[in-house]
Amino acid sequence: MQNYLKVYRALHNITQADLAGRLGVSRANLSAIEKGHYDPSLRLAFRLANFFQVKIEDLFVYKEADK
């Protein structure tokens, strides 16, 4: 799943560590999500979208793999 987490963090001038602390998750977890190595839980995806005051689909974009 593609995401724009890094973009929204930059727009809000917030580091991974700061965001992780505010959401109660590890910085490593956010890094893995940003790099596409890990998809967040639905609950975390909603918390991230709410933090940035955007819709989930603005932050995360699901693209089905080519067959």
N, C-alpha and C. Protein backbone atom coordinates (compact mmCIF):
# COMPACT_ATOMS: atom_id res chain seq x y z
N MET A 1 0.85 -1.17 0.00
CA MET A 1 0.00 0.00 0.00
C MET A 1 0.90 1.24 0.00
N GLN A 2 0.61 2.14 -0.88
CA GLN A 2 1.35 3.39 -0.97
C GLN A 2 0.84 4.34 0.12
N ASN A 3 1.73 5.18 0.65
CA ASN A 3 1.28 6.14 1.65
C ASN A 3 2.01 7.47 1.48
N TYR A 4 1.41 8.49 2.05
CA TYR A 4 1.96 9.84 2.00
C TYR A 4 2.30 10.34 3.40
N LEU A 5 2.63 9.43 4.27
CA LEU A 5 2.93 9.77 5.65
C LEU A 5 4.12 10.74 5.75
N LYS A 6 5.16 10.46 5.01
CA LYS A 6 6.35 11.33 5.04
C LYS A 6 6.01 12.74 4.54
N VAL A 7 5.18 12.81 3.53
CA VAL A 7 4.77 14.11 2.98
C VAL A 7 4.00 14.91 4.02
N TYR A 8 3.04 14.27 4.66
CA TYR A 8 2.24 14.97 5.67
C TYR A 8 3.09 15.34 6.89
N ARG A 9 4.05 14.50 7.25
CA ARG A 9 4.95 14.86 8.35
C ARG A 9 5.74 16.11 7.99
N ALA A 10 6.23 16.17 6.76
CA ALA A 10 7.01 17.33 6.32
C ALA A 10 6.15 18.59 6.30
N LEU A 11 4.92 18.46 5.82
CA LEU A 11 4.01 19.61 5.78
C LEU A 11 3.73 20.17 7.18
N HIS A 12 3.72 19.27 8.16
CA HIS A 12 3.45 19.68 9.54
C HIS A 12 4.73 19.86 10.36
N ASN A 13 5.87 19.71 9.70
CA ASN A 13 7.17 19.90 10.34
C ASN A 13 7.29 19.09 11.63
N ILE A 14 7.02 17.79 11.51
CA ILE A 14 7.08 16.90 12.67
C ILE A 14 7.96 15.70 12.33
N THR A 15 8.80 15.31 13.27
CA THR A 15 9.70 14.18 13.05
C THR A 15 8.97 12.86 13.32
N GLN A 16 9.59 11.78 12.86
CA GLN A 16 9.03 10.46 13.16
C GLN A 16 8.95 10.25 14.67
N ALA A 17 9.99 10.66 15.38
CA ALA A 17 10.02 10.46 16.83
C ALA A 17 8.91 11.25 17.51
N ASP A 18 8.69 12.49 17.09
CA ASP A 18 7.62 13.31 17.68
C ASP A 18 6.25 12.69 17.41
N LEU A 19 6.03 12.28 16.18
CA LEU A 19 4.74 11.69 15.81
C LEU A 19 4.54 10.38 16.57
N ALA A 20 5.57 9.58 16.63
CA ALA A 20 5.47 8.30 17.34
C ALA A 20 5.10 8.53 18.80
N GLY A 21 5.74 9.51 19.43
CA GLY A 21 5.45 9.82 20.81
C GLY A 21 4.02 10.28 21.02
N ARG A 22 3.51 11.08 20.12
CA ARG A 22 2.13 11.58 20.23
C ARG A 22 1.10 10.47 20.03
N LEU A 23 1.46 9.47 19.23
CA LEU A 23 0.52 8.39 18.94
C LEU A 23 0.75 7.14 19.79
N GLY A 24 1.85 7.12 20.53
CA GLY A 24 2.13 5.98 21.38
C GLY A 24 2.59 4.74 20.64
N VAL A 25 3.32 4.96 19.54
CA VAL A 25 3.90 3.85 18.78
C VAL A 25 5.40 4.09 18.67
N SER A 26 6.13 3.11 18.18
CA SER A 26 7.58 3.29 18.07
C SER A 26 7.94 4.05 16.79
N ARG A 27 9.07 4.72 16.84
CA ARG A 27 9.57 5.43 15.66
C ARG A 27 9.89 4.41 14.56
N ALA A 28 10.40 3.26 14.95
CA ALA A 28 10.73 2.21 13.98
C ALA A 28 9.47 1.74 13.25
N ASN A 29 8.36 1.68 13.97
CA ASN A 29 7.09 1.28 13.36
C ASN A 29 6.68 2.30 12.29
N LEU A 30 6.77 3.59 12.62
CA LEU A 30 6.42 4.63 11.63
C LEU A 30 7.36 4.59 10.44
N SER A 31 8.64 4.36 10.69
CA SER A 31 9.60 4.28 9.60
C SER A 31 9.25 3.14 8.65
N ALA A 32 8.91 1.99 9.21
CA ALA A 32 8.55 0.84 8.39
C ALA A 32 7.29 1.11 7.57
N ILE A 33 6.34 1.82 8.15
CA ILE A 33 5.11 2.17 7.42
C ILE A 33 5.45 3.12 6.28
N GLU A 34 6.23 4.16 6.57
CA GLU A 34 6.61 5.13 5.54
C GLU A 34 7.32 4.46 4.37
N LYS A 35 8.18 3.49 4.66
CA LYS A 35 8.95 2.81 3.61
C LYS A 35 8.15 1.74 2.88
N GLY A 36 6.93 1.48 3.34
CA GLY A 36 6.10 0.48 2.69
C GLY A 36 6.42 -0.95 3.09
N HIS A 37 7.20 -1.12 4.15
CA HIS A 37 7.53 -2.46 4.62
C HIS A 37 6.44 -3.06 5.49
N TYR A 38 5.56 -2.20 5.95
CA TYR A 38 4.54 -2.61 6.92
C TYR A 38 3.30 -1.77 6.70
N ASP A 39 2.14 -2.39 6.69
CA ASP A 39 0.87 -1.67 6.61
C ASP A 39 0.34 -1.50 8.03
N PRO A 40 -0.12 -0.30 8.35
CA PRO A 40 -0.61 -0.08 9.71
C PRO A 40 -1.92 -0.80 9.95
N SER A 41 -2.22 -1.03 11.22
CA SER A 41 -3.54 -1.55 11.56
C SER A 41 -4.57 -0.50 11.16
N LEU A 42 -5.79 -0.91 11.03
CA LEU A 42 -6.86 0.03 10.69
C LEU A 42 -6.96 1.11 11.76
N ARG A 43 -6.84 0.71 13.00
CA ARG A 43 -6.91 1.67 14.11
C ARG A 43 -5.80 2.72 14.00
N LEU A 44 -4.57 2.29 13.73
CA LEU A 44 -3.46 3.23 13.60
C LEU A 44 -3.64 4.11 12.36
N ALA A 45 -4.14 3.55 11.28
CA ALA A 45 -4.38 4.34 10.07
C ALA A 45 -5.38 5.46 10.36
N PHE A 46 -6.44 5.16 11.11
CA PHE A 46 -7.41 6.18 11.48
C PHE A 46 -6.77 7.23 12.40
N ARG A 47 -5.94 6.78 13.33
CA ARG A 47 -5.30 7.72 14.25
C ARG A 47 -4.36 8.66 13.48
N LEU A 48 -3.63 8.13 12.52
CA LEU A 48 -2.75 8.96 11.71
C LEU A 48 -3.55 9.97 10.88
N ALA A 49 -4.61 9.50 10.25
CA ALA A 49 -5.45 10.39 9.45
C ALA A 49 -6.07 11.48 10.33
N ASN A 50 -6.54 11.10 11.49
CA ASN A 50 -7.12 12.09 12.40
C ASN A 50 -6.08 13.10 12.86
N PHE A 51 -4.87 12.63 13.13
CA PHE A 51 -3.80 13.53 13.56
C PHE A 51 -3.56 14.62 12.51
N PHE A 52 -3.50 14.20 11.24
CA PHE A 52 -3.23 15.15 10.16
C PHE A 52 -4.50 15.81 9.62
N GLN A 53 -5.64 15.43 10.16
CA GLN A 53 -6.95 15.97 9.78
C GLN A 53 -7.22 15.80 8.29
N VAL A 54 -6.98 14.56 7.83
CA VAL A 54 -7.27 14.19 6.45
C VAL A 54 -8.04 12.87 6.46
N LYS A 55 -8.58 12.51 5.31
CA LYS A 55 -9.24 11.22 5.17
C LYS A 55 -8.18 10.13 5.01
N ILE A 56 -8.50 8.95 5.46
CA ILE A 56 -7.56 7.83 5.34
C ILE A 56 -7.11 7.66 3.89
N GLU A 57 -8.03 7.78 2.96
CA GLU A 57 -7.66 7.57 1.56
C GLU A 57 -6.76 8.67 1.01
N ASP A 58 -6.64 9.80 1.71
CA ASP A 58 -5.67 10.82 1.32
C ASP A 58 -4.27 10.46 1.82
N LEU A 59 -4.21 9.70 2.88
CA LEU A 59 -2.94 9.32 3.50
C LEU A 59 -2.42 7.98 3.00
N PHE A 60 -3.34 7.05 2.76
CA PHE A 60 -2.99 5.70 2.31
C PHE A 60 -3.74 5.38 1.02
N VAL A 61 -3.01 4.86 0.04
CA VAL A 61 -3.61 4.53 -1.25
C VAL A 61 -3.34 3.07 -1.55
N TYR A 62 -4.41 2.30 -1.67
CA TYR A 62 -4.28 0.88 -2.00
C TYR A 62 -4.28 0.72 -3.51
N LYS A 63 -3.26 0.07 -4.02
CA LYS A 63 -3.19 -0.24 -5.45
C LYS A 63 -2.98 -1.73 -5.57
N GLU A 64 -3.91 -2.38 -6.23
CA GLU A 64 -3.81 -3.81 -6.41
C GLU A 64 -2.64 -4.12 -7.33
N ALA A 65 -1.87 -5.11 -6.98
CA ALA A 65 -0.70 -5.49 -7.78
C ALA A 65 -1.14 -5.98 -9.15
N ASP A 66 -0.32 -5.67 -10.15
CA ASP A 66 -0.60 -6.16 -11.50
C ASP A 66 -0.51 -7.68 -11.51
N LYS A 67 -1.40 -8.28 -12.29
CA LYS A 67 -1.42 -9.73 -12.37
C LYS A 67 -0.73 -10.21 -13.62
